[in-house]
Amino acid sequence: GRDVEGTIGGSPGINGGGAAMGRGQFLTGAPGAEGEGVTIKYGETTDDVIYEIFNRSENKVAGLFRREINNETLVGDDVDGFVHVSQNSLVFQIGPNEGQLRRISVDSINPEELSKGIENNSNFRSLAEIDVLDAEAAQDTLLLVDQAIDDVSTMRGNLGSFQRNALEANLHSLRVSKENLTASESMLADTDMAQEMSSLVKNQILLSSGTAMLAQANQVPQSVLQLLNSNG
């Protein structure tokens, strides 16, 4: 049979239409490819289309369903379709609350995955197949190399944008929050110090007042004794 063809995430490059690799009835996205949106098509040119019937409980193909292209004859029961998508993007928790997530994915930069889908007279299917054995091949090689440079530059731009707009922006916010928290703790600590200073001053005043009163109380008998001595 033919390999299934399709796109995942609409990213161009593989099978002439998308960042996805078709092997039999399975469509697999390239490592790091976006998983938002799936388009699958069949390229068979026979008189009918054959679908595999998937048995969910046993996780295997249980039979075949045949449909004529003209839709006039249907053989078999209705079939439910299943698409299994695996998201390979990296997930970052950028906030304290649930759901505050940012995702980023990076396409594969292996030579076999770069510059796919570029029309050329040498029939190079990817950057891994280029050669410069003749003038035409060298010219086609330049086309694929230019496309690979553009692809890698786009990836770098996406990574830089994610770093600046997601990571660095949130890092700055965290630093500001930390500074505010430290300032608040300092204000609370200063408030406690002021209270302790007030208590210390109050105790010093009470101590000074008690000492003065005791001194005055001791002076009274001395004054009386001096009066008695002077009269005698």
C-alpha atoms as a PDB file:
ATOM      1  CA  GLY A   1       0.000   0.000   0.000  1.00  0.00           C
ATOM      2  CA  ARG A   2       0.881   3.671  -0.134  1.00  0.00           C
ATOM      3  CA  ASP A   3       2.188   5.609   2.830  1.00  0.00           C
ATOM      4  CA  VAL A   4      -0.292   8.072   4.285  1.00  0.00           C
ATOM      5  CA  GLU A   5       0.511  11.704   3.532  1.00  0.00           C
ATOM      6  CA  GLY A   6      -0.434  14.755   5.513  1.00  0.00           C
ATOM      7  CA  THR A   7       0.538  17.741   7.588  1.00  0.00           C
ATOM      8  CA  ILE A   8       0.773  18.365  11.306  1.00  0.00           C
ATOM      9  CA  GLY A   9       0.711  21.965  12.388  1.00  0.00           C
ATOM     10  CA  GLY A  10       0.922  23.192   8.783  1.00  0.00           C
ATOM     11  CA  SER A  11       4.715  23.346   8.811  1.00  0.00           C
ATOM     12  CA  PRO A  12       6.116  22.796   5.299  1.00  0.00           C
ATOM     13  CA  GLY A  13       8.910  20.422   4.538  1.00  0.00           C
ATOM     14  CA  ILE A  14       8.075  16.691   4.466  1.00  0.00           C
ATOM     15  CA  ASN A  15       6.131  14.686   1.895  1.00  0.00           C
ATOM     16  CA  GLY A  16       5.709  17.865  -0.122  1.00  0.00           C
ATOM     17  CA  GLY A  17       3.280  19.456   2.276  1.00  0.00           C
ATOM     18  CA  GLY A  18       3.962  19.197   5.973  1.00  0.00           C
ATOM     19  CA  ALA A  19       6.222  18.410   8.878  1.00  0.00           C
ATOM     20  CA  ALA A  20       5.028  14.819   9.104  1.00  0.00           C
ATOM     21  CA  MET A  21       6.425  11.447   8.077  1.00  0.00           C
ATOM     22  CA  GLY A  22       4.015   8.870   6.699  1.00  0.00           C
ATOM     23  CA  ARG A  23       4.745   5.198   7.248  1.00  0.00           C
ATOM     24  CA  GLY A  24       1.834   2.980   6.268  1.00  0.00           C
ATOM     25  CA  GLN A  25      -1.261   4.160   8.126  1.00  0.00           C
ATOM     26  CA  PHE A  26       0.706   6.174  10.704  1.00  0.00           C
ATOM     27  CA  LEU A  27       1.502   9.877  10.363  1.00  0.00           C
ATOM     28  CA  THR A  28       4.305  11.017  12.655  1.00  0.00           C
ATOM     29  CA  GLY A  29       5.345  14.601  13.211  1.00  0.00           C
ATOM     30  CA  ALA A  30       8.981  15.613  13.039  1.00  0.00           C
ATOM     31  CA  PRO A  31      10.677  15.962  16.454  1.00  0.00           C
ATOM     32  CA  GLY A  32       9.576  19.237  18.030  1.00  0.00           C
ATOM     33  CA  ALA A  33       6.981  20.023  15.337  1.00  0.00           C
ATOM     34  CA  GLU A  34       3.875  21.949  16.335  1.00  0.00           C
ATOM     35  CA  GLY A  35       0.895  19.702  17.047  1.00  0.00           C
ATOM     36  CA  GLU A  36      -1.885  22.213  16.447  1.00  0.00           C
ATOM     37  CA  GLY A  37      -3.947  21.013  13.498  1.00  0.00           C
ATOM     38  CA  VAL A  38      -3.751  17.756  11.568  1.00  0.00           C
ATOM     39  CA  THR A  39      -4.497  17.227   7.870  1.00  0.00           C
ATOM     40  CA  ILE A  40      -4.320  13.732   6.379  1.00  0.00           C
ATOM     41  CA  LYS A  41      -4.807  12.710   2.755  1.00  0.00           C
ATOM     42  CA  TYR A  42      -4.498   9.522   0.712  1.00  0.00           C
ATOM     43  CA  GLY A  43      -2.699   9.486  -2.624  1.00  0.00           C
ATOM     44  CA  GLU A  44      -3.926   6.184  -4.000  1.00  0.00           C
ATOM     45  CA  THR A  45      -5.279   6.270  -7.534  1.00  0.00           C
ATOM     46  CA  THR A  46      -7.195   2.987  -7.360  1.00  0.00           C
ATOM     47  CA  ASP A  47     -10.950   2.695  -7.800  1.00  0.00           C
ATOM     48  CA  ASP A  48     -11.668   2.603  -4.108  1.00  0.00           C
ATOM     49  CA  VAL A  49     -10.262   3.654  -0.755  1.00  0.00           C
ATOM     50  CA  ILE A  50      -9.539   1.149   2.005  1.00  0.00           C
ATOM     51  CA  TYR A  51      -9.723   2.185   5.656  1.00  0.00           C
ATOM     52  CA  GLU A  52      -8.444   0.160   8.555  1.00  0.00           C
ATOM     53  CA  ILE A  53     -10.960  -0.482  11.328  1.00  0.00           C
ATOM     54  CA  PHE A  54      -9.336   0.215  14.682  1.00  0.00           C
ATOM     55  CA  ASN A  55     -10.291  -1.899  17.695  1.00  0.00           C
ATOM     56  CA  ARG A  56      -9.919   0.430  20.682  1.00  0.00           C
ATOM     57  CA  SER A  57     -10.166  -2.282  23.375  1.00  0.00           C
ATOM     58  CA  GLU A  58      -7.493  -4.505  21.829  1.00  0.00           C
ATOM     59  CA  ASN A  59      -5.445  -1.615  20.402  1.00  0.00           C
ATOM     60  CA  LYS A  60      -5.046  -3.196  16.985  1.00  0.00           C
ATOM     61  CA  VAL A  61      -6.523  -3.202  13.486  1.00  0.00           C
ATOM     62  CA  ALA A  62      -9.578  -5.472  13.472  1.00  0.00           C
ATOM     63  CA  GLY A  63     -10.524  -5.363   9.776  1.00  0.00           C
ATOM     64  CA  LEU A  64     -10.848  -3.309   6.609  1.00  0.00           C
ATOM     65  CA  PHE A  65     -13.542  -0.989   5.285  1.00  0.00           C
ATOM     66  CA  ARG A  66     -13.836  -0.392   1.527  1.00  0.00           C
ATOM     67  CA  ARG A  67     -15.478   2.677  -0.037  1.00  0.00           C
ATOM     68  CA  GLU A  68     -15.793   3.444  -3.703  1.00  0.00           C
ATOM     69  CA  ILE A  69     -14.585   6.875  -4.779  1.00  0.00           C
ATOM     70  CA  ASN A  70     -17.943   7.734  -6.390  1.00  0.00           C
ATOM     71  CA  ASN A  71     -19.598   7.242  -2.958  1.00  0.00           C
ATOM     72  CA  GLU A  72     -22.370   5.193  -4.575  1.00  0.00           C
ATOM     73  CA  THR A  73     -21.510   1.902  -2.901  1.00  0.00           C
ATOM     74  CA  LEU A  74     -20.570   1.411   0.721  1.00  0.00           C
ATOM     75  CA  VAL A  75     -19.431  -1.983   1.958  1.00  0.00           C
ATOM     76  CA  GLY A  76     -19.260  -2.605   5.686  1.00  0.00           C
ATOM     77  CA  ASP A  77     -20.318  -0.679   8.768  1.00  0.00           C
ATOM     78  CA  ASP A  78     -19.609   2.943   9.625  1.00  0.00           C
ATOM     79  CA  VAL A  79     -16.076   3.555  10.831  1.00  0.00           C
ATOM     80  CA  ASP A  80     -14.889   5.976  13.455  1.00  0.00           C
ATOM     81  CA  GLY A  81     -11.578   7.654  12.746  1.00  0.00           C
ATOM     82  CA  PHE A  82      -8.826   8.027  15.294  1.00  0.00           C
ATOM     83  CA  VAL A  83      -5.980  10.504  15.279  1.00  0.00           C
ATOM     84  CA  HIS A  84      -3.305  10.110  17.950  1.00  0.00           C
ATOM     85  CA  VAL A  85      -1.199  13.248  18.338  1.00  0.00           C
ATOM     86  CA  SER A  86       1.889  13.395  20.541  1.00  0.00           C
ATOM     87  CA  GLN A  87       3.072  16.868  21.486  1.00  0.00           C
ATOM     88  CA  ASN A  88       6.859  17.026  21.812  1.00  0.00           C
ATOM     89  CA  SER A  89       7.169  20.687  22.719  1.00  0.00           C
ATOM     90  CA  LEU A  90       8.880  21.852  25.903  1.00  0.00           C
ATOM     91  CA  VAL A  91       6.576  23.217  28.600  1.00  0.00           C
ATOM     92  CA  PHE A  92       7.671  25.970  31.025  1.00  0.00           C
ATOM     93  CA  GLN A  93       5.827  26.930  34.203  1.00  0.00           C
ATOM     94  CA  ILE A  94       6.134  30.719  34.155  1.00  0.00           C
ATOM     95  CA  GLY A  95       3.790  31.629  37.005  1.00  0.00           C
ATOM     96  CA  PRO A  96       2.699  30.488  40.452  1.00  0.00           C
ATOM     97  CA  ASN A  97      -0.801  29.449  39.368  1.00  0.00           C
ATOM     98  CA  GLU A  98      -2.007  26.399  37.520  1.00  0.00           C
ATOM     99  CA  GLY A  99      -2.190  26.824  33.780  1.00  0.00           C
ATOM    100  CA  GLN A 100       0.425  29.587  33.554  1.00  0.00           C
ATOM    101  CA  LEU A 101       2.423  27.688  30.973  1.00  0.00           C
ATOM    102  CA  ARG A 102       4.364  28.566  27.834  1.00  0.00           C
ATOM    103  CA  ARG A 103       5.368  26.048  25.189  1.00  0.00           C
ATOM    104  CA  ILE A 104       8.054  26.058  22.564  1.00  0.00           C
ATOM    105  CA  SER A 105       9.013  23.506  19.964  1.00  0.00           C
ATOM    106  CA  VAL A 106      12.050  23.247  17.723  1.00  0.00           C
ATOM    107  CA  ASP A 107      12.029  21.461  14.385  1.00  0.00           C
ATOM    108  CA  SER A 108      14.701  18.888  13.713  1.00  0.00           C
ATOM    109  CA  ILE A 109      17.900  20.284  12.190  1.00  0.00           C
ATOM    110  CA  ASN A 110      19.211  16.948  10.968  1.00  0.00           C
ATOM    111  CA  PRO A 111      20.287  17.142   7.322  1.00  0.00           C
ATOM    112  CA  GLU A 112      17.640  14.550   6.453  1.00  0.00           C
ATOM    113  CA  GLU A 113      14.932  16.918   7.695  1.00  0.00           C
ATOM    114  CA  LEU A 114      16.194  20.211   6.262  1.00  0.00           C
ATOM    115  CA  SER A 115      15.301  21.654   2.853  1.00  0.00           C
ATOM    116  CA  LYS A 116      12.609  19.116   2.100  1.00  0.00           C
ATOM    117  CA  GLY A 117      10.048  19.872  -0.576  1.00  0.00           C
ATOM    118  CA  ILE A 118      12.361  22.133  -2.613  1.00  0.00           C
ATOM    119  CA  GLU A 119      11.920  21.571  -6.340  1.00  0.00           C
ATOM    120  CA  ASN A 120      15.223  20.944  -8.107  1.00  0.00           C
ATOM    121  CA  ASN A 121      16.405  19.255 -11.292  1.00  0.00           C
ATOM    122  CA  SER A 122      18.730  16.920  -9.406  1.00  0.00           C
ATOM    123  CA  ASN A 123      15.850  15.429  -7.399  1.00  0.00           C
ATOM    124  CA  PHE A 124      17.525  16.130  -4.056  1.00  0.00           C
ATOM    125  CA  ARG A 125      14.934  15.332  -1.386  1.00  0.00           C
ATOM    126  CA  SER A 126      16.813  16.875   1.524  1.00  0.00           C
ATOM    127  CA  LEU A 127      20.063  18.520   2.501  1.00  0.00           C
ATOM    128  CA  ALA A 128      21.554  15.096   3.194  1.00  0.00           C
ATOM    129  CA  GLU A 129      21.481  14.197  -0.517  1.00  0.00           C
ATOM    130  CA  ILE A 130      23.264  17.210  -2.009  1.00  0.00           C
ATOM    131  CA  ASP A 131      26.444  16.929  -4.065  1.00  0.00           C
ATOM    132  CA  VAL A 132      28.494  19.174  -6.350  1.00  0.00           C
ATOM    133  CA  LEU A 133      29.638  16.653  -8.927  1.00  0.00           C
ATOM    134  CA  ASP A 134      28.369  18.788 -11.814  1.00  0.00           C
ATOM    135  CA  ALA A 135      27.209  22.318 -12.446  1.00  0.00           C
ATOM    136  CA  GLU A 136      23.497  21.550 -12.238  1.00  0.00           C
ATOM    137  CA  ALA A 137      23.879  19.623  -8.991  1.00  0.00           C
ATOM    138  CA  ALA A 138      25.937  22.455  -7.554  1.00  0.00           C
ATOM    139  CA  GLN A 139      23.231  24.957  -8.508  1.00  0.00           C
ATOM    140  CA  ASP A 140      20.546  22.804  -6.903  1.00  0.00           C
ATOM    141  CA  THR A 141      22.738  22.392  -3.837  1.00  0.00           C
ATOM    142  CA  LEU A 142      22.807  26.170  -3.422  1.00  0.00           C
ATOM    143  CA  LEU A 143      19.005  26.214  -3.432  1.00  0.00           C
ATOM    144  CA  LEU A 144      18.799  23.647  -0.658  1.00  0.00           C
ATOM    145  CA  VAL A 145      21.562  25.268   1.368  1.00  0.00           C
ATOM    146  CA  ASP A 146      19.833  28.658   1.148  1.00  0.00           C
ATOM    147  CA  GLN A 147      16.577  27.078   2.312  1.00  0.00           C
ATOM    148  CA  ALA A 148      18.345  25.334   5.186  1.00  0.00           C
ATOM    149  CA  ILE A 149      19.897  28.643   6.263  1.00  0.00           C
ATOM    150  CA  ASP A 150      16.488  30.301   6.184  1.00  0.00           C
ATOM    151  CA  ASP A 151      14.956  27.451   8.216  1.00  0.00           C
ATOM    152  CA  VAL A 152      17.673  27.569  10.866  1.00  0.00           C
ATOM    153  CA  SER A 153      17.469  31.373  11.035  1.00  0.00           C
ATOM    154  CA  THR A 154      13.730  31.141  11.590  1.00  0.00           C
ATOM    155  CA  MET A 155      14.283  28.612  14.384  1.00  0.00           C
ATOM    156  CA  ARG A 156      16.860  30.889  16.018  1.00  0.00           C
ATOM    157  CA  GLY A 157      14.471  33.811  15.770  1.00  0.00           C
ATOM    158  CA  ASN A 158      11.683  31.826  17.419  1.00  0.00           C
ATOM    159  CA  LEU A 159      14.011  30.731  20.213  1.00  0.00           C
ATOM    160  CA  GLY A 160      15.253  34.286  20.741  1.00  0.00           C
ATOM    161  CA  SER A 161      11.715  35.626  20.833  1.00  0.00           C
ATOM    162  CA  PHE A 162      10.695  32.992  23.358  1.00  0.00           C
ATOM    163  CA  GLN A 163      13.741  33.738  25.494  1.00  0.00           C
ATOM    164  CA  ARG A 164      13.100  37.484  25.540  1.00  0.00           C
ATOM    165  CA  ASN A 165       9.307  37.620  25.675  1.00  0.00           C
ATOM    166  CA  ALA A 166       8.668  34.626  27.921  1.00  0.00           C
ATOM    167  CA  LEU A 167      11.702  33.729  29.999  1.00  0.00           C
ATOM    168  CA  GLU A 168      13.499  37.065  30.469  1.00  0.00           C
ATOM    169  CA  ALA A 169      10.254  39.007  30.950  1.00  0.00           C
ATOM    170  CA  ASN A 170       9.114  36.611  33.660  1.00  0.00           C
ATOM    171  CA  LEU A 171      12.584  36.607  35.212  1.00  0.00           C
ATOM    172  CA  HIS A 172      12.405  40.404  35.450  1.00  0.00           C
ATOM    173  CA  SER A 173       8.968  40.165  37.065  1.00  0.00           C
ATOM    174  CA  LEU A 174      10.295  37.646  39.585  1.00  0.00           C
ATOM    175  CA  ARG A 175      13.196  39.941  40.460  1.00  0.00           C
ATOM    176  CA  VAL A 176      10.828  42.866  41.003  1.00  0.00           C
ATOM    177  CA  SER A 177       8.583  40.684  43.167  1.00  0.00           C
ATOM    178  CA  LYS A 178      11.594  39.545  45.195  1.00  0.00           C
ATOM    179  CA  GLU A 179      12.713  43.143  45.728  1.00  0.00           C
ATOM    180  CA  ASN A 180       9.221  44.139  46.844  1.00  0.00           C
ATOM    181  CA  LEU A 181       9.087  41.186  49.226  1.00  0.00           C
ATOM    182  CA  THR A 182      12.478  42.078  50.685  1.00  0.00           C
ATOM    183  CA  ALA A 183      11.376  45.705  51.121  1.00  0.00           C
ATOM    184  CA  SER A 184       8.196  44.579  52.873  1.00  0.00           C
ATOM    185  CA  GLU A 185      10.155  42.321  55.221  1.00  0.00           C
ATOM    186  CA  SER A 186      12.531  45.187  55.940  1.00  0.00           C
ATOM    187  CA  MET A 187       9.623  47.490  56.766  1.00  0.00           C
ATOM    188  CA  LEU A 188       8.195  44.906  59.150  1.00  0.00           C
ATOM    189  CA  ALA A 189      11.576  44.447  60.791  1.00  0.00           C
ATOM    190  CA  ASP A 190      12.006  48.251  61.117  1.00  0.00           C
ATOM    191  CA  THR A 191       8.587  48.494  62.733  1.00  0.00           C
ATOM    192  CA  ASP A 192       9.573  45.947  65.379  1.00  0.00           C
ATOM    193  CA  MET A 193      12.852  47.819  66.021  1.00  0.00           C
ATOM    194  CA  ALA A 194      10.951  51.072  66.586  1.00  0.00           C
ATOM    195  CA  GLN A 195       8.687  49.355  69.089  1.00  0.00           C
ATOM    196  CA  GLU A 196      11.648  47.925  70.935  1.00  0.00           C
ATOM    197  CA  MET A 197      13.346  51.328  70.984  1.00  0.00           C
ATOM    198  CA  SER A 198      10.194  52.884  72.433  1.00  0.00           C
ATOM    199  CA  SER A 199      10.071  50.227  75.127  1.00  0.00           C
ATOM    200  CA  LEU A 200      13.751  50.823  75.941  1.00  0.00           C
ATOM    201  CA  VAL A 201      13.268  54.601  76.242  1.00  0.00           C
ATOM    202  CA  LYS A 202      10.207  54.074  78.437  1.00  0.00           C
ATOM    203  CA  ASN A 203      12.108  51.741  80.745  1.00  0.00           C
ATOM    204  CA  GLN A 204      15.018  54.167  80.927  1.00  0.00           C
ATOM    205  CA  ILE A 205      12.656  57.004  81.889  1.00  0.00           C
ATOM    206  CA  LEU A 206      11.024  54.872  84.573  1.00  0.00           C
ATOM    207  CA  LEU A 207      14.417  53.864  85.920  1.00  0.00           C
ATOM    208  CA  SER A 208      15.603  57.481  86.023  1.00  0.00           C
ATOM    209  CA  SER A 209      12.382  58.587  87.724  1.00  0.00           C
ATOM    210  CA  GLY A 210      12.681  55.848  90.358  1.00  0.00           C
ATOM    211  CA  THR A 211      16.297  56.755  91.063  1.00  0.00           C
ATOM    212  CA  ALA A 212      15.415  60.450  91.454  1.00  0.00           C
ATOM    213  CA  MET A 213      12.546  59.684  93.844  1.00  0.00           C
ATOM    214  CA  LEU A 214      14.764  57.429  95.929  1.00  0.00           C
ATOM    215  CA  ALA A 215      17.404  60.127  96.128  1.00  0.00           C
ATOM    216  CA  GLN A 216      14.819  62.668  97.281  1.00  0.00           C
ATOM    217  CA  ALA A 217      13.482  60.235  99.879  1.00  0.00           C
ATOM    218  CA  ASN A 218      16.982  59.764 101.279  1.00  0.00           C
ATOM    219  CA  GLN A 219      17.527  63.531 101.496  1.00  0.00           C
ATOM    220  CA  VAL A 220      14.549  64.126 103.832  1.00  0.00           C
ATOM    221  CA  PRO A 221      16.018  62.365 106.932  1.00  0.00           C
ATOM    222  CA  GLN A 222      19.339  64.066 106.333  1.00  0.00           C
ATOM    223  CA  SER A 223      17.664  67.473 106.314  1.00  0.00           C
ATOM    224  CA  VAL A 224      15.801  66.731 109.550  1.00  0.00           C
ATOM    225  CA  LEU A 225      19.004  65.561 111.239  1.00  0.00           C
ATOM    226  CA  GLN A 226      20.829  68.717 110.168  1.00  0.00           C
ATOM    227  CA  LEU A 227      18.043  70.878 111.681  1.00  0.00           C
ATOM    228  CA  LEU A 228      18.251  69.001 114.975  1.00  0.00           C
ATOM    229  CA  ASN A 229      21.970  69.364 115.136  1.00  0.00           C
ATOM    230  CA  SER A 230      21.848  73.072 114.447  1.00  0.00           C
ATOM    231  CA  ASN A 231      19.243  73.666 117.237  1.00  0.00           C
ATOM    232  CA  GLY A 232      21.225  71.684 119.721  1.00  0.00           C
END
